Amino acid sequence: MSSKVEQIQKYLQKTGVEAAFITTPENVFYLSGFLSDPHERLLGIMIFKDTAPLMICPKMEVPDAKAAGWSYEVIGHDDKEDAWEVLATKVASLVGGIQSLAIEKSHLTVERLELLQRFYPNSTVSGIDQLLTDMRIVKSEDELVKLREAAKLADYAIQVGCDELAEGKTELEVLSAIEAAILKKGYYMSFDTMVLTGLNAASPHGTPGNTKIKKGDLVLFDLGVVYEGYCSDITRTVAFGEPGEDQKAVYNAVLNANLAAIELAKPGVPVMDLDKAARDQISNAGFGEYFTHRLGHGLGIGVHEIPSIHGGNELPLVEGMVFTIEPGVYKGDTAGVRIEDDVVVTKDGLEILTKFPKELQIF
């Protein structure tokens, strides 16, 4: 039995809960290696206290689930069946009734919980979200290998974008070239790519469009690539032609903030201290009011995971945590700058996974 499934079984045995039903596609992948977007169809893993687990998925995906490495039973349902009844019938044949069940409260909708409770009306329901979070927050060496490869692909994508910069090209033209290059390598983006030029970059989550690049612009790239189910997320801001002194001042403040947080990070340091170190640099440079978001977020199977790197999070860093460090300044009359790295906590500091240069690059 896989160590991850065993860990959940031990939790069930310790707490006396009879079964856990895992339903987020990310956690199904984490436990099974099977990555699927089931849309409205039912996908989940049922783990029992003392019995081998099983997976339920759309019938058309059963061969894919088995091929992905899930070595336990897989049951399928087709579109004319009641998937919840299919699941309940199988569970009854294995363990009879269930009096206590752990679910992912953050994912299972009220509607789906009610569908499940048709078959277990007297069952007590608890959450298993925290256990799964605790399991995923520290990455294994195998996961780190994949995250390093995802970061290399992100570095490559940034280089492609920089090579595409030319006066008169639009944000969308540069974006298309980046995504085409990644697809040609056989991979796909982990979220919608951002290419924002000039003052468009002063919107932290701006939408690329037909704005043309011109000399003196700062150009912001925010992108990520998926490698074997694991995501990267990088931001670099570069100059197309010589920038002005006011733009350089914003850039240097953000770079110093990024470096200050990296320098401080090591096991035992509270997450909130990293945010403060970066924010202090930007505030001291006179741009504090323009740093309008948290410093970063966890990274792994999902682009946004735990831990959330913000000023109110007292969680201490632990070796194996992976997250982003992405300070930014968004001054609408001057520039928008963000510099984002993917990092992993080591025994005495950080390993920086994203390697593209951070000193201001001028093209």
Protein backbone atom coordinates (compact mmCIF):
# COMPACT_ATOMS: atom_id res chain seq x y z
CA MET A 1 0.00 0.00 0.00
CA SER A 2 1.34 3.47 -0.86
CA SER A 3 2.79 5.47 2.01
CA LYS A 4 0.36 8.34 1.38
CA VAL A 5 -2.68 6.06 1.60
CA GLU A 6 -1.18 4.40 4.68
CA GLN A 7 -0.78 7.81 6.32
CA ILE A 8 -4.47 8.52 5.84
CA GLN A 9 -5.40 5.06 7.10
CA LYS A 10 -3.35 5.62 10.24
CA TYR A 11 -5.21 8.90 10.74
CA LEU A 12 -8.54 7.08 10.41
CA GLN A 13 -7.45 4.41 12.87
CA LYS A 14 -6.25 7.04 15.35
CA THR A 15 -9.42 9.11 15.16
CA GLY A 16 -11.87 6.21 14.81
CA VAL A 17 -13.30 7.58 11.57
CA GLU A 18 -14.32 4.71 9.29
CA ALA A 19 -13.57 6.20 5.87
CA ALA A 20 -12.33 9.27 4.03
CA PHE A 21 -13.59 10.46 0.65
CA ILE A 22 -11.04 12.54 -1.29
CA THR A 23 -12.53 14.50 -4.16
CA THR A 24 -10.29 17.38 -5.31
CA PRO A 25 -8.59 16.45 -8.59
CA GLU A 26 -5.28 17.71 -7.16
CA ASN A 27 -5.48 15.44 -4.12
CA VAL A 28 -6.66 12.50 -6.21
CA PHE A 29 -3.52 13.05 -8.30
CA TYR A 30 -1.38 13.40 -5.18
CA LEU A 31 -2.57 10.03 -3.89
CA SER A 32 -2.83 8.14 -7.17
CA GLY A 33 -0.79 9.74 -9.93
CA PHE A 34 -3.99 10.08 -11.96
CA LEU A 35 -4.61 13.65 -13.10
CA SER A 36 -8.10 14.33 -14.43
CA ASP A 37 -10.58 17.15 -14.86
CA PRO A 38 -13.87 15.29 -14.46
CA HIS A 39 -16.00 18.41 -15.06
CA GLU A 40 -19.42 17.66 -13.54
CA ARG A 41 -18.78 13.93 -13.24
CA LEU A 42 -17.81 12.21 -9.99
CA LEU A 43 -14.14 11.56 -9.27
CA GLY A 44 -12.89 10.48 -5.86
CA ILE A 45 -10.87 8.09 -3.74
CA MET A 46 -12.51 6.29 -0.82
CA ILE A 47 -10.01 5.23 1.84
CA PHE A 48 -11.16 2.85 4.57
CA LYS A 49 -9.75 2.34 8.02
CA ASP A 50 -8.96 -1.36 7.58
CA THR A 51 -9.78 -2.20 3.95
CA ALA A 52 -8.00 -1.50 0.66
CA PRO A 53 -9.03 1.83 -0.91
CA LEU A 54 -10.87 2.33 -4.18
CA MET A 55 -11.23 5.03 -6.81
CA ILE A 56 -14.39 6.05 -8.63
CA CYS A 57 -14.14 7.95 -11.91
CA PRO A 58 -15.97 8.27 -15.23
CA LYS A 59 -16.02 4.86 -16.92
CA MET A 60 -14.19 6.21 -19.97
CA GLU A 61 -11.22 7.15 -17.76
CA VAL A 62 -10.82 3.84 -15.89
CA PRO A 63 -7.98 2.63 -18.19
CA ASP A 64 -6.16 5.95 -17.73
CA ALA A 65 -6.48 5.75 -13.94
CA LYS A 66 -4.99 2.26 -13.92
CA ALA A 67 -2.21 3.24 -16.33
CA ALA A 68 -1.29 6.21 -14.12
CA GLY A 69 -0.19 3.82 -11.38
CA TRP A 70 -3.19 3.45 -9.08
CA SER A 71 -2.78 -0.16 -7.99
CA TYR A 72 -6.07 -0.59 -6.14
CA GLU A 73 -9.57 -1.08 -7.45
CA VAL A 74 -11.09 1.44 -9.85
CA ILE A 75 -14.83 1.54 -10.46
CA GLY A 76 -16.35 3.50 -13.31
CA HIS A 77 -19.70 5.14 -13.89
CA ASP A 78 -21.26 6.18 -17.17
CA ASP A 79 -23.43 9.17 -17.87
CA LYS A 80 -26.75 7.38 -17.51
CA GLU A 81 -25.94 6.00 -14.06
CA ASP A 82 -26.27 7.55 -10.62
CA ALA A 83 -22.56 7.73 -9.77
CA TRP A 84 -23.29 8.08 -6.04
CA GLU A 85 -25.35 4.90 -6.07
CA VAL A 86 -22.56 3.09 -7.94
CA LEU A 87 -20.15 4.19 -5.22
CA ALA A 88 -22.47 3.31 -2.34
CA THR A 89 -23.21 -0.15 -3.75
CA LYS A 90 -19.50 -0.91 -4.02
CA VAL A 91 -18.75 0.42 -0.55
CA ALA A 92 -21.56 -1.69 0.90
CA SER A 93 -20.08 -4.82 -0.66
CA LEU A 94 -16.72 -4.05 0.95
CA VAL A 95 -17.46 -2.68 4.41
CA GLY A 96 -21.22 -2.53 4.81
CA GLY A 97 -22.46 0.76 6.20
CA ILE A 98 -20.39 3.78 7.19
CA GLN A 99 -21.14 5.54 10.47
CA SER A 100 -18.39 8.18 10.26
CA LEU A 101 -16.87 9.81 7.19
CA ALA A 102 -14.15 12.39 6.60
CA ILE A 103 -14.49 14.65 3.57
CA GLU A 104 -12.73 17.64 2.03
CA LYS A 105 -15.00 20.34 3.40
CA SER A 106 -13.35 23.00 1.27
CA HIS A 107 -14.24 21.11 -1.91
CA LEU A 108 -17.33 18.94 -1.50
CA THR A 109 -20.34 21.14 -2.26
CA VAL A 110 -23.48 21.11 -0.14
CA GLU A 111 -25.31 19.54 -3.07
CA ARG A 112 -22.79 16.71 -3.33
CA LEU A 113 -22.74 16.18 0.42
CA GLU A 114 -26.50 15.75 0.34
CA LEU A 115 -26.16 13.24 -2.51
CA LEU A 116 -23.65 11.30 -0.42
CA GLN A 117 -25.80 11.46 2.69
CA ARG A 118 -28.69 9.78 0.88
CA PHE A 119 -26.76 6.55 1.41
CA TYR A 120 -25.26 7.40 4.81
CA PRO A 121 -28.01 9.41 6.52
CA ASN A 122 -26.83 8.62 10.04
CA SER A 123 -23.13 9.07 9.41
CA THR A 124 -21.19 11.77 11.24
CA VAL A 125 -19.15 13.96 8.90
CA SER A 126 -15.77 15.53 9.68
CA GLY A 127 -13.08 17.29 7.66
CA ILE A 128 -9.81 15.80 6.43
CA ASP A 129 -8.58 19.00 4.77
CA GLN A 130 -5.93 19.80 7.39
CA LEU A 131 -4.32 16.37 7.17
CA LEU A 132 -4.02 16.64 3.39
CA THR A 133 -2.62 20.16 3.72
CA ASP A 134 -0.05 18.96 6.24
CA MET A 135 0.94 16.10 3.93
CA ARG A 136 1.34 18.30 0.86
CA ILE A 137 3.03 21.32 2.43
CA VAL A 138 6.39 19.54 2.65
CA LYS A 139 7.55 18.21 -0.71
CA SER A 140 9.30 14.88 -1.21
CA GLU A 141 12.51 14.66 -3.20
CA ASP A 142 10.56 13.21 -6.12
CA GLU A 143 8.24 16.23 -6.06
CA LEU A 144 11.22 18.60 -5.88
CA VAL A 145 12.74 17.01 -8.97
CA LYS A 146 9.54 17.79 -10.89
CA LEU A 147 9.32 21.32 -9.50
CA ARG A 148 12.91 22.01 -10.56
CA GLU A 149 12.09 20.88 -14.09
CA ALA A 150 8.95 23.02 -14.15
CA ALA A 151 11.05 26.00 -13.07
CA LYS A 152 13.59 25.36 -15.85
CA LEU A 153 10.76 25.43 -18.37
CA ALA A 154 9.52 28.70 -16.88
CA ASP A 155 12.99 30.21 -17.26
CA TYR A 156 13.00 29.08 -20.88
CA ALA A 157 9.57 30.65 -21.46
CA ILE A 158 10.77 33.99 -20.09
CA GLN A 159 13.76 33.89 -22.45
CA VAL A 160 11.44 33.19 -25.37
CA GLY A 161 9.35 36.19 -24.41
CA CYS A 162 12.39 38.45 -24.15
CA ASP A 163 13.66 37.29 -27.54
CA GLU A 164 10.28 38.15 -29.06
CA LEU A 165 10.30 41.78 -27.90
CA ALA A 166 10.21 44.22 -30.78
CA GLU A 167 8.83 47.71 -31.30
CA GLY A 168 5.25 47.55 -32.51
CA LYS A 169 4.60 43.96 -31.42
CA THR A 170 1.54 43.52 -29.24
CA GLU A 171 1.34 41.86 -25.84
CA LEU A 172 -0.74 39.07 -27.35
CA GLU A 173 1.77 38.43 -30.13
CA VAL A 174 4.57 37.95 -27.60
CA LEU A 175 2.30 35.83 -25.40
CA SER A 176 1.38 33.58 -28.34
CA ALA A 177 5.04 32.98 -29.15
CA ILE A 178 5.76 31.95 -25.56
CA GLU A 179 2.90 29.48 -25.38
CA ALA A 180 3.69 28.04 -28.82
CA ALA A 181 7.29 27.42 -27.75
CA ILE A 182 6.18 25.56 -24.62
CA LEU A 183 3.65 23.49 -26.56
CA LYS A 184 6.36 22.60 -29.07
CA LYS A 185 8.40 21.17 -26.19
CA GLY A 186 5.39 19.06 -25.18
CA TYR A 187 4.22 20.97 -22.12
CA TYR A 188 1.47 23.41 -21.23
CA MET A 189 1.10 26.51 -19.12
CA SER A 190 0.04 26.25 -15.49
CA PHE A 191 -2.17 29.37 -15.71
CA ASP A 192 -3.05 32.11 -18.19
CA THR A 193 0.17 33.76 -19.33
CA MET A 194 0.55 37.49 -18.70
CA VAL A 195 2.55 39.85 -20.92
CA LEU A 196 1.94 43.48 -19.96
CA THR A 197 3.80 46.43 -21.39
CA GLY A 198 4.22 49.97 -20.10
CA LEU A 199 1.69 51.17 -17.58
CA ASN A 200 -0.49 48.11 -18.23
CA ALA A 201 1.83 46.31 -15.82
CA ALA A 202 0.61 48.58 -13.02
CA SER A 203 -2.43 46.27 -12.81
CA PRO A 204 -1.22 43.24 -10.79
CA HIS A 205 -3.58 40.88 -12.62
CA GLY A 206 -3.89 42.78 -15.89
CA THR A 207 -5.20 41.20 -19.07
CA PRO A 208 -2.88 41.11 -22.10
CA GLY A 209 -4.26 42.75 -25.21
CA ASN A 210 -3.29 44.62 -28.34
CA THR A 211 -1.13 47.27 -26.69
CA LYS A 212 2.06 47.66 -28.72
CA ILE A 213 5.52 47.59 -27.19
CA LYS A 214 7.50 50.80 -27.54
CA LYS A 215 10.94 52.02 -26.57
CA GLY A 216 11.31 52.86 -22.92
CA ASP A 217 8.62 50.41 -21.79
CA LEU A 218 9.01 48.01 -18.92
CA VAL A 219 7.48 44.66 -19.91
CA LEU A 220 6.15 42.28 -17.25
CA PHE A 221 5.98 38.52 -17.85
CA ASP A 222 4.06 36.30 -15.41
CA LEU A 223 3.81 32.66 -16.43
CA GLY A 224 4.21 29.06 -15.36
CA VAL A 225 4.62 25.61 -16.87
CA VAL A 226 3.36 22.20 -15.74
CA TYR A 227 5.89 19.34 -15.59
CA GLU A 228 4.48 15.90 -14.74
CA GLY A 229 1.65 17.47 -12.75
CA TYR A 230 3.74 20.07 -10.89
CA CYS A 231 3.61 23.81 -11.53
CA SER A 232 6.06 26.67 -11.79
CA ASP A 233 5.19 30.36 -11.46
CA ILE A 234 7.67 33.07 -12.38
CA THR A 235 7.49 36.81 -12.94
CA ARG A 236 10.17 38.93 -14.51
CA THR A 237 10.03 42.57 -15.52
CA VAL A 238 12.45 43.68 -18.23
CA ALA A 239 13.12 46.92 -20.13
CA PHE A 240 12.67 47.42 -23.85
CA GLY A 241 15.13 50.19 -24.47
CA GLU A 242 16.66 52.36 -21.80
CA PRO A 243 14.19 53.02 -18.96
CA GLY A 244 13.87 56.28 -17.08
CA GLU A 245 15.32 56.92 -13.64
CA ASP A 246 11.88 56.77 -12.01
CA GLN A 247 11.28 53.33 -13.54
CA LYS A 248 14.70 52.15 -12.34
CA ALA A 249 13.89 53.36 -8.83
CA VAL A 250 10.74 51.23 -8.75
CA TYR A 251 12.60 48.25 -10.16
CA ASN A 252 15.42 48.47 -7.64
CA ALA A 253 12.97 48.71 -4.73
CA VAL A 254 11.25 45.51 -5.85
CA LEU A 255 14.54 43.70 -6.47
CA ASN A 256 15.81 44.65 -3.01
CA ALA A 257 12.56 43.39 -1.49
CA ASN A 258 12.89 40.05 -3.28
CA LEU A 259 16.49 39.66 -2.14
CA ALA A 260 15.74 40.68 1.46
CA ALA A 261 13.07 38.00 1.85
CA ILE A 262 15.33 35.35 0.31
CA GLU A 263 18.20 36.33 2.59
CA LEU A 264 16.05 36.01 5.72
CA ALA A 265 14.38 32.68 4.95
CA LYS A 266 15.43 29.48 6.73
CA PRO A 267 13.72 26.81 8.84
CA GLY A 268 12.01 28.23 11.91
CA VAL A 269 11.54 31.76 10.58
CA PRO A 270 7.85 32.76 10.63
CA VAL A 271 6.28 33.31 7.24
CA MET A 272 5.17 36.78 8.31
CA ASP A 273 8.79 37.88 8.78
CA LEU A 274 9.51 37.35 5.09
CA ASP A 275 6.59 39.54 4.11
CA LYS A 276 7.76 42.24 6.52
CA ALA A 277 11.35 42.14 5.27
CA ALA A 278 10.21 42.67 1.69
CA ARG A 279 7.59 45.26 2.58
CA ASP A 280 10.08 47.27 4.63
CA GLN A 281 12.40 47.56 1.64
CA ILE A 282 9.63 48.86 -0.58
CA SER A 283 8.29 51.22 2.10
CA ASN A 284 11.76 52.62 2.78
CA ALA A 285 12.09 53.38 -0.92
CA GLY A 286 8.86 55.38 -0.78
CA PHE A 287 6.57 52.93 -2.59
CA GLY A 288 4.90 51.15 0.33
CA GLU A 289 1.34 52.10 -0.66
CA TYR A 290 1.86 50.51 -4.08
CA PHE A 291 2.71 47.02 -2.79
CA THR A 292 -0.86 45.81 -2.57
CA HIS A 293 -0.71 42.02 -2.19
CA ARG A 294 0.91 39.30 -0.09
CA LEU A 295 4.53 38.34 -0.70
CA GLY A 296 3.79 34.89 -2.12
CA HIS A 297 2.02 31.57 -1.98
CA GLY A 298 2.72 27.86 -1.81
CA LEU A 299 3.40 25.97 -5.01
CA GLY A 300 3.17 22.35 -6.12
CA ILE A 301 0.40 20.43 -7.83
CA GLY A 302 -1.57 23.65 -7.61
CA VAL A 303 -0.31 27.10 -8.58
CA HIS A 304 -1.67 28.47 -5.30
CA GLU A 305 -1.15 26.23 -2.28
CA ILE A 306 -0.37 26.56 1.40
CA PRO A 307 1.53 28.37 2.88
CA SER A 308 0.22 31.85 2.19
CA ILE A 309 3.16 34.21 2.58
CA HIS A 310 1.54 37.23 4.21
CA GLY A 311 2.13 39.51 7.17
CA GLY A 312 -0.32 37.77 9.49
CA ASN A 313 0.90 34.21 9.07
CA GLU A 314 2.93 33.02 12.07
CA LEU A 315 3.61 29.58 10.54
CA PRO A 316 7.33 28.75 10.80
CA LEU A 317 9.19 27.70 7.66
CA VAL A 318 10.04 24.00 7.44
CA GLU A 319 12.56 22.26 5.23
CA GLY A 320 10.85 21.09 2.05
CA MET A 321 8.26 23.86 1.80
CA VAL A 322 7.96 25.33 -1.70
CA PHE A 323 6.53 28.78 -2.31
CA THR A 324 6.90 31.97 -4.31
CA ILE A 325 8.52 35.25 -3.32
CA GLU A 326 6.95 37.94 -5.50
CA PRO A 327 7.04 41.52 -4.25
CA GLY A 328 5.62 44.13 -6.58
CA VAL A 329 5.06 47.85 -6.97
CA TYR A 330 2.17 49.11 -9.10
CA LYS A 331 2.43 52.88 -9.52
CA GLY A 332 -0.03 53.83 -12.22
CA ASP A 333 1.80 56.93 -13.41
CA THR A 334 5.28 55.39 -13.46
CA ALA A 335 5.60 51.61 -13.72
CA GLY A 336 4.39 48.19 -12.69
CA VAL A 337 7.16 45.87 -11.53
CA ARG A 338 7.02 42.38 -10.03
CA ILE A 339 9.87 39.93 -9.53
CA GLU A 340 8.83 36.40 -8.60
CA ASP A 341 10.92 33.36 -7.74
CA ASP A 342 9.99 29.80 -6.87
CA VAL A 343 11.95 28.67 -3.80
CA VAL A 344 12.29 25.61 -1.57
CA VAL A 345 13.35 25.76 2.07
CA THR A 346 16.57 23.85 2.73
CA LYS A 347 18.15 22.91 6.07
CA ASP A 348 19.89 26.30 6.30
CA GLY A 349 18.19 28.65 3.84
CA LEU A 350 16.56 28.57 0.42
CA GLU A 351 17.19 26.95 -2.92
CA ILE A 352 16.01 29.26 -5.70
CA LEU A 353 14.40 27.17 -8.42
CA THR A 354 13.87 29.95 -10.98
CA LYS A 355 17.20 31.06 -12.44
CA PHE A 356 16.41 33.75 -15.01
CA PRO A 357 18.46 36.88 -14.10
CA LYS A 358 16.84 39.39 -11.79
CA GLU A 359 19.12 42.33 -12.39
CA LEU A 360 17.29 44.68 -14.78
CA GLN A 361 17.60 43.26 -18.28
CA ILE A 362 17.50 45.76 -21.14
CA PHE A 363 16.56 44.56 -24.63
